Amino acid sequence: MGQSTIPSDTVCYPAKLVHGHIENLLSKNVDFIFYPCMTYNLNEGNGLEEGAVNHFNCPVMAYYPELLKANIETLNENNFIRPYLDLNRRKNAAETITKCFSKFKLNSAVVEIMLERAIKSLKEHRRNIIKEGVKIINQARKEHRKIIVLAGRPYHIDPEINHGIQNILTSLGFAVVTEDVVAHMSPVPKLDVINQWTYHSRLYRAANYVTTQADMQLVQLVSFGCGIDAITSDETRAILERKGKIYTQLKIDEISNLGAVKIRLRSLAATFGG
């Protein structure tokens, strides 16, 4: 549905999917779409002591609402609300949201309280992910199974984007956890690049942790057209290979044939003793 509004064929697959999602929402006559521009991701506490100098979103994700507004003619100021929002500045974020939805007569102080509750819920959600991941790791070790840290971005959870790669790994006998299960267990190692993106700081720490575990390997999911991953994938490879680990990158996009992916993962299983 959104194919004709995509201005560049070289943008990543997840970004292309947004166009169809927006068109789908518009076709359902929703009252409005709220899609803020967000330069910064949430600060996960990766301060300078852990090697992170900032917590940016990727440039595509950060400002994609502006591109959508410029390329989808049916979007306008009434049905598409796209403020610049920084959730790390709670008071400012509350004021911005209150202003955006002024017709609903929201109270800025109440919005700020709701934001705090939302962040608290998000932190609890992350703790639950870690708790479940640790259970998987412990069970795998009881069964003497190898473990794969399947690393990517939050959007790689979408089955349309990941194409069930985690299921291929489990069918090969691996236990699978995501990078956010283990990232907190390791500091960022020495890097040759600036560590300034939230998800990639998490990736570096997860890769560093994997190098300390004999029964773990890391598989990185990347999307074609991601300029940041041109940098981070090289750095992740270096972190792993310095300590004798295997680096496996899977580039996933509008593919339907997973033959090449299966060959790569079977090769990893054979090399890793899976």
Foldseek 3Di string as FASTA:
>chain_A
DQVVLDPDPQAWQVLSVVSVVVVVVVVVVDQADEQEQEQFDDDPPQDVVLQAPAAGAAPCNRPVLVSSPVRPVVDDLRRYHYHYAYLNPLLVRLVVVCVSPVVVVDDSVVSSVVSVVVVVVVVVVLVVLLVVVVVLVVVCVVVVFFEEAEEEDPVCVPCQWVVCLVVLLVVLVYRYGYLSNCLVVFGQDDFPDHRHHNRLNSLRSSLLVQLVDLRYAYEYEATRNRPVCVPSLVRSCCSNVVSPGDYHYDYTHNDDDCVVVSVSSVVVCVVSVD
